[in-house]
PDB file of N, CA and C in Angstrom:
ATOM      1  N   LEU A   1       0.821  -1.192   0.000  1.00  0.00           N
ATOM      2  CA  LEU A   1       0.000   0.000   0.000  1.00  0.00           C
ATOM      3  C   LEU A   1       0.864   1.254   0.000  1.00  0.00           C
ATOM      4  N   GLY A   2       1.976   1.196   0.695  1.00  0.00           N
ATOM      5  CA  GLY A   2       2.870   2.340   0.738  1.00  0.00           C
ATOM      6  C   GLY A   2       3.434   2.678  -0.632  1.00  0.00           C
ATOM      7  N   ILE A   3       3.811   1.663  -1.387  1.00  0.00           N
ATOM      8  CA  ILE A   3       4.348   1.893  -2.732  1.00  0.00           C
ATOM      9  C   ILE A   3       3.282   2.519  -3.621  1.00  0.00           C
ATOM     10  N   LEU A   4       2.069   2.006  -3.539  1.00  0.00           N
ATOM     11  CA  LEU A   4       0.977   2.565  -4.336  1.00  0.00           C
ATOM     12  C   LEU A   4       0.688   4.001  -3.921  1.00  0.00           C
ATOM     13  N   SER A   5       0.689   4.242  -2.630  1.00  0.00           N
ATOM     14  CA  SER A   5       0.441   5.591  -2.124  1.00  0.00           C
ATOM     15  C   SER A   5       1.531   6.556  -2.591  1.00  0.00           C
ATOM     16  N   ARG A   6       2.794   6.144  -2.485  1.00  0.00           N
ATOM     17  CA  ARG A   6       3.900   7.005  -2.918  1.00  0.00           C
ATOM     18  C   ARG A   6       3.879   7.242  -4.426  1.00  0.00           C
ATOM     19  N   ALA A   7       3.286   6.300  -5.162  1.00  0.00           N
ATOM     20  CA  ALA A   7       3.173   6.458  -6.618  1.00  0.00           C
ATOM     21  C   ALA A   7       2.036   7.402  -6.994  1.00  0.00           C
ATOM     22  N   GLY A   8       1.273   7.852  -5.995  1.00  0.00           N
ATOM     23  CA  GLY A   8       0.210   8.813  -6.261  1.00  0.00           C
ATOM     24  C   GLY A   8      -1.182   8.236  -6.356  1.00  0.00           C
ATOM     25  N   PHE A   9      -1.336   6.960  -6.045  1.00  0.00           N
ATOM     26  CA  PHE A   9      -2.667   6.359  -6.103  1.00  0.00           C
ATOM     27  C   PHE A   9      -3.550   6.958  -5.014  1.00  0.00           C
ATOM     28  N   PRO A  10      -4.767   7.402  -5.377  1.00  0.00           N
ATOM     29  CA  PRO A  10      -5.721   7.808  -4.337  1.00  0.00           C
ATOM     30  C   PRO A  10      -5.988   6.597  -3.439  1.00  0.00           C
ATOM     31  N   TYR A  11      -6.396   6.846  -2.225  1.00  0.00           N
ATOM     32  CA  TYR A  11      -6.538   5.756  -1.251  1.00  0.00           C
ATOM     33  C   TYR A  11      -7.477   4.652  -1.726  1.00  0.00           C
ATOM     34  N   ALA A  12      -8.615   5.015  -2.291  1.00  0.00           N
ATOM     35  CA  ALA A  12      -9.558   3.991  -2.752  1.00  0.00           C
ATOM     36  C   ALA A  12      -8.947   3.163  -3.881  1.00  0.00           C
ATOM     37  N   LEU A  13      -8.312   3.821  -4.848  1.00  0.00           N
ATOM     38  CA  LEU A  13      -7.698   3.094  -5.957  1.00  0.00           C
ATOM     39  C   LEU A  13      -6.532   2.241  -5.470  1.00  0.00           C
ATOM     40  N   ALA A  14      -5.779   2.732  -4.505  1.00  0.00           N
ATOM     41  CA  ALA A  14      -4.690   1.934  -3.925  1.00  0.00           C
ATOM     42  C   ALA A  14      -5.248   0.667  -3.288  1.00  0.00           C
ATOM     43  N   GLY A  15      -6.364   0.801  -2.589  1.00  0.00           N
ATOM     44  CA  GLY A  15      -6.991  -0.369  -1.976  1.00  0.00           C
ATOM     45  C   GLY A  15      -7.467  -1.371  -3.011  1.00  0.00           C
ATOM     46  N   HIS A  16      -8.094  -0.868  -4.070  1.00  0.00           N
ATOM     47  CA  HIS A  16      -8.551  -1.761  -5.147  1.00  0.00           C
ATOM     48  C   HIS A  16      -7.358  -2.435  -5.826  1.00  0.00           C
ATOM     49  N   ALA A  17      -6.313  -1.651  -6.081  1.00  0.00           N
ATOM     50  CA  ALA A  17      -5.129  -2.195  -6.744  1.00  0.00           C
ATOM     51  C   ALA A  17      -4.476  -3.282  -5.892  1.00  0.00           C
ATOM     52  N   TYR A  18      -4.350  -3.013  -4.606  1.00  0.00           N
ATOM     53  CA  TYR A  18      -3.744  -3.993  -3.701  1.00  0.00           C
ATOM     54  C   TYR A  18      -4.554  -5.287  -3.691  1.00  0.00           C
ATOM     55  N   SER A  19      -5.862  -5.156  -3.574  1.00  0.00           N
ATOM     56  CA  SER A  19      -6.733  -6.333  -3.551  1.00  0.00           C
ATOM     57  C   SER A  19      -6.646  -7.104  -4.864  1.00  0.00           C
ATOM     58  N   LEU A  20      -6.648  -6.385  -5.970  1.00  0.00           N
ATOM     59  CA  LEU A  20      -6.557  -7.015  -7.280  1.00  0.00           C
ATOM     60  C   LEU A  20      -5.237  -7.763  -7.449  1.00  0.00           C
ATOM     61  N   LEU A  21      -4.134  -7.108  -7.116  1.00  0.00           N
ATOM     62  CA  LEU A  21      -2.824  -7.746  -7.255  1.00  0.00           C
ATOM     63  C   LEU A  21      -2.685  -8.956  -6.338  1.00  0.00           C
ATOM     64  N   ASP A  22      -3.157  -8.814  -5.105  1.00  0.00           N
ATOM     65  CA  ASP A  22      -3.102  -9.922  -4.155  1.00  0.00           C
ATOM     66  C   ASP A  22      -3.923 -11.106  -4.663  1.00  0.00           C
ATOM     67  N   SER A  23      -5.123 -10.833  -5.126  1.00  0.00           N
ATOM     68  CA  SER A  23      -5.997 -11.898  -5.627  1.00  0.00           C
ATOM     69  C   SER A  23      -5.403 -12.568  -6.858  1.00  0.00           C
ATOM     70  N   TYR A  24      -4.838 -11.772  -7.749  1.00  0.00           N
ATOM     71  CA  TYR A  24      -4.259 -12.324  -8.968  1.00  0.00           C
ATOM     72  C   TYR A  24      -3.073 -13.228  -8.650  1.00  0.00           C
ATOM     73  N   VAL A  25      -2.149 -12.731  -7.852  1.00  0.00           N
ATOM     74  CA  VAL A  25      -0.953 -13.514  -7.520  1.00  0.00           C
ATOM     75  C   VAL A  25      -1.337 -14.789  -6.768  1.00  0.00           C
ATOM     76  N   TYR A  26      -2.184 -14.651  -5.764  1.00  0.00           N
ATOM     77  CA  TYR A  26      -2.588 -15.805  -4.958  1.00  0.00           C
ATOM     78  C   TYR A  26      -3.364 -16.811  -5.807  1.00  0.00           C
ATOM     79  N   GLY A  27      -4.304 -16.317  -6.587  1.00  0.00           N
ATOM     80  CA  GLY A  27      -5.111 -17.202  -7.428  1.00  0.00           C
ATOM     81  C   GLY A  27      -4.285 -17.928  -8.469  1.00  0.00           C
ATOM     82  N   PHE A  28      -3.351 -17.233  -9.089  1.00  0.00           N
ATOM     83  CA  PHE A  28      -2.506 -17.873 -10.091  1.00  0.00           C
ATOM     84  C   PHE A  28      -1.636 -18.942  -9.445  1.00  0.00           C
ATOM     85  N   ALA A  29      -1.063 -18.616  -8.297  1.00  0.00           N
ATOM     86  CA  ALA A  29      -0.212 -19.586  -7.600  1.00  0.00           C
ATOM     87  C   ALA A  29      -1.000 -20.836  -7.218  1.00  0.00           C
ATOM     88  N   LEU A  30      -2.222 -20.651  -6.723  1.00  0.00           N
ATOM     89  CA  LEU A  30      -3.058 -21.804  -6.368  1.00  0.00           C
ATOM     90  C   LEU A  30      -3.381 -22.652  -7.593  1.00  0.00           C
ATOM     91  N   THR A  31      -3.745 -21.988  -8.675  1.00  0.00           N
ATOM     92  CA  THR A  31      -4.086 -22.713  -9.896  1.00  0.00           C
ATOM     93  C   THR A  31      -2.887 -23.480 -10.428  1.00  0.00           C
ATOM     94  N   GLU A  32      -1.747 -22.819 -10.482  1.00  0.00           N
ATOM     95  CA  GLU A  32      -0.548 -23.474 -11.002  1.00  0.00           C
ATOM     96  C   GLU A  32      -0.140 -24.657 -10.125  1.00  0.00           C
ATOM     97  N   ALA A  33      -0.232 -24.492  -8.818  1.00  0.00           N
ATOM     98  CA  ALA A  33       0.127 -25.579  -7.899  1.00  0.00           C
ATOM     99  C   ALA A  33      -0.839 -26.754  -8.003  1.00  0.00           C
ATOM    100  N   ALA A  34      -2.083 -26.482  -8.391  1.00  0.00           N
ATOM    101  CA  ALA A  34      -3.097 -27.537  -8.455  1.00  0.00           C
ATOM    102  C   ALA A  34      -3.157 -28.237  -9.810  1.00  0.00           C
ATOM    103  N   LEU A  35      -2.374 -27.775 -10.778  1.00  0.00           N
ATOM    104  CA  LEU A  35      -2.402 -28.443 -12.077  1.00  0.00           C
ATOM    105  C   LEU A  35      -2.040 -29.915 -11.879  1.00  0.00           C
ATOM    106  N   PRO A  36      -2.816 -30.805 -12.488  1.00  0.00           N
ATOM    107  CA  PRO A  36      -2.583 -32.238 -12.265  1.00  0.00           C
ATOM    108  C   PRO A  36      -1.463 -32.825 -13.119  1.00  0.00           C
ATOM    109  N   PHE A  37      -0.597 -31.971 -13.638  1.00  0.00           N
ATOM    110  CA  PHE A  37       0.516 -32.451 -14.455  1.00  0.00           C
ATOM    111  C   PHE A  37       1.665 -31.452 -14.364  1.00  0.00           C
ATOM    112  N   ALA A  38       2.848 -31.932 -14.676  1.00  0.00           N
ATOM    113  CA  ALA A  38       4.039 -31.075 -14.675  1.00  0.00           C
ATOM    114  C   ALA A  38       4.065 -30.264 -15.966  1.00  0.00           C
ATOM    115  N   PRO A  39       4.676 -29.088 -15.933  1.00  0.00           N
ATOM    116  CA  PRO A  39       4.712 -28.247 -17.139  1.00  0.00           C
ATOM    117  C   PRO A  39       5.224 -28.971 -18.388  1.00  0.00           C
ATOM    118  N   GLN A  40       6.199 -29.828 -18.234  1.00  0.00           N
ATOM    119  CA  GLN A  40       6.744 -30.535 -19.391  1.00  0.00           C
ATOM    120  C   GLN A  40       5.781 -31.581 -19.950  1.00  0.00           C
ATOM    121  N   ASP A  41       4.724 -31.907 -19.212  1.00  0.00           N
ATOM    122  CA  ASP A  41       3.744 -32.898 -19.654  1.00  0.00           C
ATOM    123  C   ASP A  41       2.458 -32.265 -20.177  1.00  0.00           C
ATOM    124  N   THR A  42       2.473 -30.961 -20.425  1.00  0.00           N
ATOM    125  CA  THR A  42       1.263 -30.248 -20.837  1.00  0.00           C
ATOM    126  C   THR A  42       0.630 -30.855 -22.078  1.00  0.00           C
ATOM    127  N   GLU A  43       1.422 -31.095 -23.106  1.00  0.00           N
ATOM    128  CA  GLU A  43       0.875 -31.583 -24.371  1.00  0.00           C
ATOM    129  C   GLU A  43       0.144 -32.911 -24.193  1.00  0.00           C
ATOM    130  N   ILE A  44       0.744 -33.840 -23.483  1.00  0.00           N
ATOM    131  CA  ILE A  44       0.118 -35.149 -23.254  1.00  0.00           C
ATOM    132  C   ILE A  44      -1.135 -34.997 -22.402  1.00  0.00           C
ATOM    133  N   ALA A  45      -1.032 -34.235 -21.322  1.00  0.00           N
ATOM    134  CA  ALA A  45      -2.160 -34.073 -20.403  1.00  0.00           C
ATOM    135  C   ALA A  45      -3.341 -33.391 -21.073  1.00  0.00           C
ATOM    136  N   VAL A  46      -3.092 -32.343 -21.830  1.00  0.00           N
ATOM    137  CA  VAL A  46      -4.185 -31.629 -22.498  1.00  0.00           C
ATOM    138  C   VAL A  46      -4.796 -32.505 -23.586  1.00  0.00           C
ATOM    139  N   GLY A  47      -3.971 -33.226 -24.302  1.00  0.00           N
ATOM    140  CA  GLY A  47      -4.488 -34.157 -25.306  1.00  0.00           C
ATOM    141  C   GLY A  47      -5.391 -35.209 -24.681  1.00  0.00           C
ATOM    142  N   ASP A  48      -4.970 -35.780 -23.571  1.00  0.00           N
ATOM    143  CA  ASP A  48      -5.784 -36.777 -22.862  1.00  0.00           C
ATOM    144  C   ASP A  48      -7.073 -36.158 -22.338  1.00  0.00           C
ATOM    145  N   TYR A  49      -6.984 -34.942 -21.824  1.00  0.00           N
ATOM    146  CA  TYR A  49      -8.145 -34.233 -21.279  1.00  0.00           C
ATOM    147  C   TYR A  49      -9.186 -34.015 -22.371  1.00  0.00           C
ATOM    148  N   LEU A  50      -8.744 -33.531 -23.521  1.00  0.00           N
ATOM    149  CA  LEU A  50      -9.676 -33.280 -24.618  1.00  0.00           C
ATOM    150  C   LEU A  50     -10.265 -34.572 -25.169  1.00  0.00           C
ATOM    151  N   ALA A  51      -9.471 -35.631 -25.189  1.00  0.00           N
ATOM    152  CA  ALA A  51      -9.950 -36.918 -25.705  1.00  0.00           C
ATOM    153  C   ALA A  51     -11.039 -37.519 -24.825  1.00  0.00           C
ATOM    154  N   ALA A  52     -11.118 -37.097 -23.577  1.00  0.00           N
ATOM    155  CA  ALA A  52     -12.123 -37.635 -22.657  1.00  0.00           C
ATOM    156  C   ALA A  52     -13.528 -37.110 -22.955  1.00  0.00           C
ATOM    157  N   PHE A  53     -13.639 -36.047 -23.741  1.00  0.00           N
ATOM    158  CA  PHE A  53     -14.944 -35.465 -24.062  1.00  0.00           C
ATOM    159  C   PHE A  53     -15.424 -35.947 -25.423  1.00  0.00           C
ATOM    160  N   PRO A  54     -16.736 -36.043 -25.596  1.00  0.00           N
ATOM    161  CA  PRO A  54     -17.260 -36.400 -26.923  1.00  0.00           C
ATOM    162  C   PRO A  54     -16.820 -35.360 -27.965  1.00  0.00           C
ATOM    163  N   VAL A  55     -16.550 -35.818 -29.168  1.00  0.00           N
ATOM    164  CA  VAL A  55     -16.133 -34.917 -30.242  1.00  0.00           C
ATOM    165  C   VAL A  55     -17.196 -33.833 -30.421  1.00  0.00           C
ATOM    166  N   GLY A  56     -16.774 -32.598 -30.454  1.00  0.00           N
ATOM    167  CA  GLY A  56     -17.691 -31.484 -30.656  1.00  0.00           C
ATOM    168  C   GLY A  56     -18.375 -30.975 -29.408  1.00  0.00           C
ATOM    169  N   ALA A  57     -18.121 -31.596 -28.253  1.00  0.00           N
ATOM    170  CA  ALA A  57     -18.796 -31.173 -27.020  1.00  0.00           C
ATOM    171  C   ALA A  57     -18.342 -29.783 -26.583  1.00  0.00           C
ATOM    172  N   TYR A  58     -17.087 -29.481 -26.734  1.00  0.00           N
ATOM    173  CA  TYR A  58     -16.527 -28.192 -26.321  1.00  0.00           C
ATOM    174  C   TYR A  58     -15.645 -27.648 -27.449  1.00  0.00           C
ATOM    175  N   PRO A  59     -16.264 -27.203 -28.535  1.00  0.00           N
ATOM    176  CA  PRO A  59     -15.466 -26.803 -29.700  1.00  0.00           C
ATOM    177  C   PRO A  59     -14.529 -25.625 -29.436  1.00  0.00           C
ATOM    178  N   HIS A  60     -14.951 -24.682 -28.630  1.00  0.00           N
ATOM    179  CA  HIS A  60     -14.094 -23.523 -28.373  1.00  0.00           C
ATOM    180  C   HIS A  60     -12.891 -23.904 -27.515  1.00  0.00           C
ATOM    181  N   LEU A  61     -13.103 -24.782 -26.556  1.00  0.00           N
ATOM    182  CA  LEU A  61     -11.999 -25.257 -25.727  1.00  0.00           C
ATOM    183  C   LEU A  61     -11.004 -26.047 -26.579  1.00  0.00           C
ATOM    184  N   ALA A  62     -11.522 -26.907 -27.436  1.00  0.00           N
ATOM    185  CA  ALA A  62     -10.645 -27.700 -28.303  1.00  0.00           C
ATOM    186  C   ALA A  62      -9.857 -26.801 -29.248  1.00  0.00           C
ATOM    187  N   GLU A  63     -10.513 -25.798 -29.799  1.00  0.00           N
ATOM    188  CA  GLU A  63      -9.839 -24.869 -30.710  1.00  0.00           C
ATOM    189  C   GLU A  63      -8.762 -24.068 -29.975  1.00  0.00           C
ATOM    190  N   PHE A  64      -9.101 -23.588 -28.791  1.00  0.00           N
ATOM    191  CA  PHE A  64      -8.133 -22.837 -27.984  1.00  0.00           C
ATOM    192  C   PHE A  64      -6.919 -23.705 -27.664  1.00  0.00           C
ATOM    193  N   ALA A  65      -7.167 -24.921 -27.215  1.00  0.00           N
ATOM    194  CA  ALA A  65      -6.063 -25.819 -26.860  1.00  0.00           C
ATOM    195  C   ALA A  65      -5.191 -26.112 -28.076  1.00  0.00           C
ATOM    196  N   THR A  66      -5.831 -26.376 -29.202  1.00  0.00           N
ATOM    197  CA  THR A  66      -5.091 -26.714 -30.417  1.00  0.00           C
ATOM    198  C   THR A  66      -4.237 -25.554 -30.917  1.00  0.00           C
ATOM    199  N   HIS A  67      -4.811 -24.358 -30.904  1.00  0.00           N
ATOM    200  CA  HIS A  67      -4.128 -23.212 -31.501  1.00  0.00           C
ATOM    201  C   HIS A  67      -3.303 -22.383 -30.523  1.00  0.00           C
ATOM    202  N   HIS A  68      -3.370 -22.716 -29.247  1.00  0.00           N
ATOM    203  CA  HIS A  68      -2.593 -21.940 -28.274  1.00  0.00           C
ATOM    204  C   HIS A  68      -1.805 -22.859 -27.329  1.00  0.00           C
ATOM    205  N   VAL A  69      -2.516 -23.639 -26.546  1.00  0.00           N
ATOM    206  CA  VAL A  69      -1.873 -24.448 -25.503  1.00  0.00           C
ATOM    207  C   VAL A  69      -0.953 -25.518 -26.081  1.00  0.00           C
ATOM    208  N   LEU A  70      -1.338 -26.124 -27.171  1.00  0.00           N
ATOM    209  CA  LEU A  70      -0.544 -27.214 -27.733  1.00  0.00           C
ATOM    210  C   LEU A  70       0.524 -26.744 -28.722  1.00  0.00           C
ATOM    211  N   GLN A  71       0.739 -25.456 -28.805  1.00  0.00           N
ATOM    212  CA  GLN A  71       1.768 -24.922 -29.703  1.00  0.00           C
ATOM    213  C   GLN A  71       3.149 -25.020 -29.045  1.00  0.00           C
ATOM    214  N   PRO A  72       4.184 -25.185 -29.854  1.00  0.00           N
ATOM    215  CA  PRO A  72       5.542 -25.259 -29.295  1.00  0.00           C
ATOM    216  C   PRO A  72       5.871 -24.009 -28.476  1.00  0.00           C
ATOM    217  N   GLY A  73       6.494 -24.230 -27.353  1.00  0.00           N
ATOM    218  CA  GLY A  73       6.920 -23.132 -26.502  1.00  0.00           C
ATOM    219  C   GLY A  73       5.882 -22.642 -25.513  1.00  0.00           C
ATOM    220  N   TYR A  74       4.659 -23.202 -25.569  1.00  0.00           N
ATOM    221  CA  TYR A  74       3.635 -22.753 -24.621  1.00  0.00           C
ATOM    222  C   TYR A  74       4.023 -23.177 -23.210  1.00  0.00           C
ATOM    223  N   ALA A  75       3.853 -22.273 -22.276  1.00  0.00           N
ATOM    224  CA  ALA A  75       4.071 -22.578 -20.860  1.00  0.00           C
ATOM    225  C   ALA A  75       3.010 -21.835 -20.060  1.00  0.00           C
ATOM    226  N   TYR A  76       2.242 -22.569 -19.286  1.00  0.00           N
ATOM    227  CA  TYR A  76       1.182 -21.945 -18.502  1.00  0.00           C
ATOM    228  C   TYR A  76       1.734 -20.825 -17.626  1.00  0.00           C
ATOM    229  N   GLY A  77       2.904 -21.016 -17.065  1.00  0.00           N
ATOM    230  CA  GLY A  77       3.502 -20.009 -16.202  1.00  0.00           C
ATOM    231  C   GLY A  77       3.689 -18.664 -16.890  1.00  0.00           C
ATOM    232  N   SER A  78       3.851 -18.668 -18.205  1.00  0.00           N
ATOM    233  CA  SER A  78       3.998 -17.414 -18.951  1.00  0.00           C
ATOM    234  C   SER A  78       2.713 -16.600 -18.952  1.00  0.00           C
ATOM    235  N   GLU A  79       1.594 -17.253 -18.721  1.00  0.00           N
ATOM    236  CA  GLU A  79       0.318 -16.535 -18.663  1.00  0.00           C
ATOM    237  C   GLU A  79       0.323 -15.541 -17.500  1.00  0.00           C
ATOM    238  N   PHE A  80       1.083 -15.845 -16.460  1.00  0.00           N
ATOM    239  CA  PHE A  80       1.152 -14.941 -15.311  1.00  0.00           C
ATOM    240  C   PHE A  80       1.691 -13.576 -15.736  1.00  0.00           C
ATOM    241  N   ASP A  81       2.792 -13.579 -16.462  1.00  0.00           N
ATOM    242  CA  ASP A  81       3.402 -12.319 -16.893  1.00  0.00           C
ATOM    243  C   ASP A  81       2.447 -11.508 -17.761  1.00  0.00           C
ATOM    244  N   TYR A  82       1.769 -12.186 -18.669  1.00  0.00           N
ATOM    245  CA  TYR A  82       0.836 -11.495 -19.563  1.00  0.00           C
ATOM    246  C   TYR A  82      -0.308 -10.869 -18.765  1.00  0.00           C
ATOM    247  N   GLY A  83      -0.880 -11.629 -17.854  1.00  0.00           N
ATOM    248  CA  GLY A  83      -1.974 -11.114 -17.033  1.00  0.00           C
ATOM    249  C   GLY A  83      -1.538  -9.970 -16.141  1.00  0.00           C
ATOM    250  N   LEU A  84      -0.369 -10.098 -15.542  1.00  0.00           N
ATOM    251  CA  LEU A  84       0.139  -9.032 -14.678  1.00  0.00           C
ATOM    252  C   LEU A  84       0.376  -7.758 -15.479  1.00  0.00           C
ATOM    253  N   GLU A  85       0.897  -7.903 -16.677  1.00  0.00           N
ATOM    254  CA  GLU A  85       1.111  -6.734 -17.538  1.00  0.00           C
ATOM    255  C   GLU A  85      -0.215  -6.026 -17.834  1.00  0.00           C
ATOM    256  N   LEU A  86      -1.257  -6.799 -18.125  1.00  0.00           N
ATOM    257  CA  LEU A  86      -2.574  -6.199 -18.370  1.00  0.00           C
ATOM    258  C   LEU A  86      -3.087  -5.458 -17.139  1.00  0.00           C
ATOM    259  N   ILE A  87      -2.923  -6.061 -15.989  1.00  0.00           N
ATOM    260  CA  ILE A  87      -3.368  -5.429 -14.743  1.00  0.00           C
ATOM    261  C   ILE A  87      -2.611  -4.125 -14.507  1.00  0.00           C
ATOM    262  N   LEU A  88      -1.294  -4.160 -14.643  1.00  0.00           N
ATOM    263  CA  LEU A  88      -0.486  -2.965 -14.392  1.00  0.00           C
ATOM    264  C   LEU A  88      -0.787  -1.854 -15.395  1.00  0.00           C
ATOM    265  N   GLU A  89      -1.007  -2.214 -16.658  1.00  0.00           N
ATOM    266  CA  GLU A  89      -1.365  -1.207 -17.658  1.00  0.00           C
ATOM    267  C   GLU A  89      -2.698  -0.553 -17.316  1.00  0.00           C
ATOM    268  N   THR A  90      -3.652  -1.349 -16.882  1.00  0.00           N
ATOM    269  CA  THR A  90      -4.961  -0.811 -16.517  1.00  0.00           C
ATOM    270  C   THR A  90      -4.861   0.079 -15.290  1.00  0.00           C
ATOM    271  N   LEU A  91      -4.093  -0.347 -14.299  1.00  0.00           N
ATOM    272  CA  LEU A  91      -3.915   0.487 -13.107  1.00  0.00           C
ATOM    273  C   LEU A  91      -3.230   1.807 -13.460  1.00  0.00           C
ATOM    274  N   ALA A  92      -2.247   1.764 -14.342  1.00  0.00           N
ATOM    275  CA  ALA A  92      -1.566   2.995 -14.761  1.00  0.00           C
ATOM    276  C   ALA A  92      -2.540   3.934 -15.467  1.00  0.00           C
ATOM    277  N   ALA A  93      -3.408   3.370 -16.307  1.00  0.00           N
ATOM    278  CA  ALA A  93      -4.399   4.192 -17.003  1.00  0.00           C
ATOM    279  C   ALA A  93      -5.387   4.800 -16.017  1.00  0.00           C
ATOM    280  N   ARG A  94      -5.809   4.009 -15.044  1.00  0.00           N
ATOM    281  CA  ARG A  94      -6.716   4.539 -14.019  1.00  0.00           C
ATOM    282  C   ARG A  94      -6.042   5.642 -13.220  1.00  0.00           C
ATOM    283  N   LEU A  95      -4.791   5.422 -12.855  1.00  0.00           N
ATOM    284  CA  LEU A  95      -4.057   6.424 -12.085  1.00  0.00           C
ATOM    285  C   LEU A  95      -3.935   7.726 -12.880  1.00  0.00           C
ATOM    286  N   ALA A  96      -3.669   7.613 -14.164  1.00  0.00           N
ATOM    287  CA  ALA A  96      -3.512   8.804 -15.007  1.00  0.00           C
ATOM    288  C   ALA A  96      -4.798   9.625 -15.072  1.00  0.00           C
ATOM    289  N   GLY A  97      -5.932   8.975 -14.880  1.00  0.00           N
ATOM    290  CA  GLY A  97      -7.213   9.668 -14.965  1.00  0.00           C
ATOM    291  C   GLY A  97      -7.795  10.080 -13.629  1.00  0.00           C
ATOM    292  N   THR A  98      -7.009  10.019 -12.568  1.00  0.00           N
ATOM    293  CA  THR A  98      -7.518  10.368 -11.237  1.00  0.00           C
ATOM    294  C   THR A  98      -6.680  11.464 -10.606  1.00  0.00           C
ATOM    295  N   ALA A  99      -7.287  12.094  -9.637  1.00  0.00           N
ATOM    296  CA  ALA A  99      -6.562  13.077  -8.822  1.00  0.00           C
ATOM    297  C   ALA A  99      -6.577  12.572  -7.394  1.00  0.00           C
ATOM    298  N   ARG A 100      -5.474  12.683  -6.741  1.00  0.00           N
ATOM    299  CA  ARG A 100      -5.383  12.187  -5.367  1.00  0.00           C
ATOM    300  C   ARG A 100      -6.137  13.125  -4.430  1.00  0.00           C
ATOM    301  N   PRO A 101      -6.984  12.552  -3.561  1.00  0.00           N
ATOM    302  CA  PRO A 101      -7.734  13.407  -2.619  1.00  0.00           C
ATOM    303  C   PRO A 101      -6.819  14.032  -1.576  1.00  0.00           C
TER     304      PRO A 101
END
């Protein structure tokens, strides 16, 4: 909270930002820790997961997995950086549009 305050965040926005960042970091860590497979086994695990459903049952999930998750170099952990960047960009935009009380 001190860092946000020193950066000029109004108190309410600092509170929202802190809660958002805490929830994001904690939630991502929980999700990553609960994955039922190791990062190096993603391709096999996702393939097995999709094969368990009837063909066409979840077309958007299958398309997403095929065109994103199953691509070379994909790592779930990299999603953290992308999400954090989006959060920080949004917070910066909000900060730019506010005046500190």
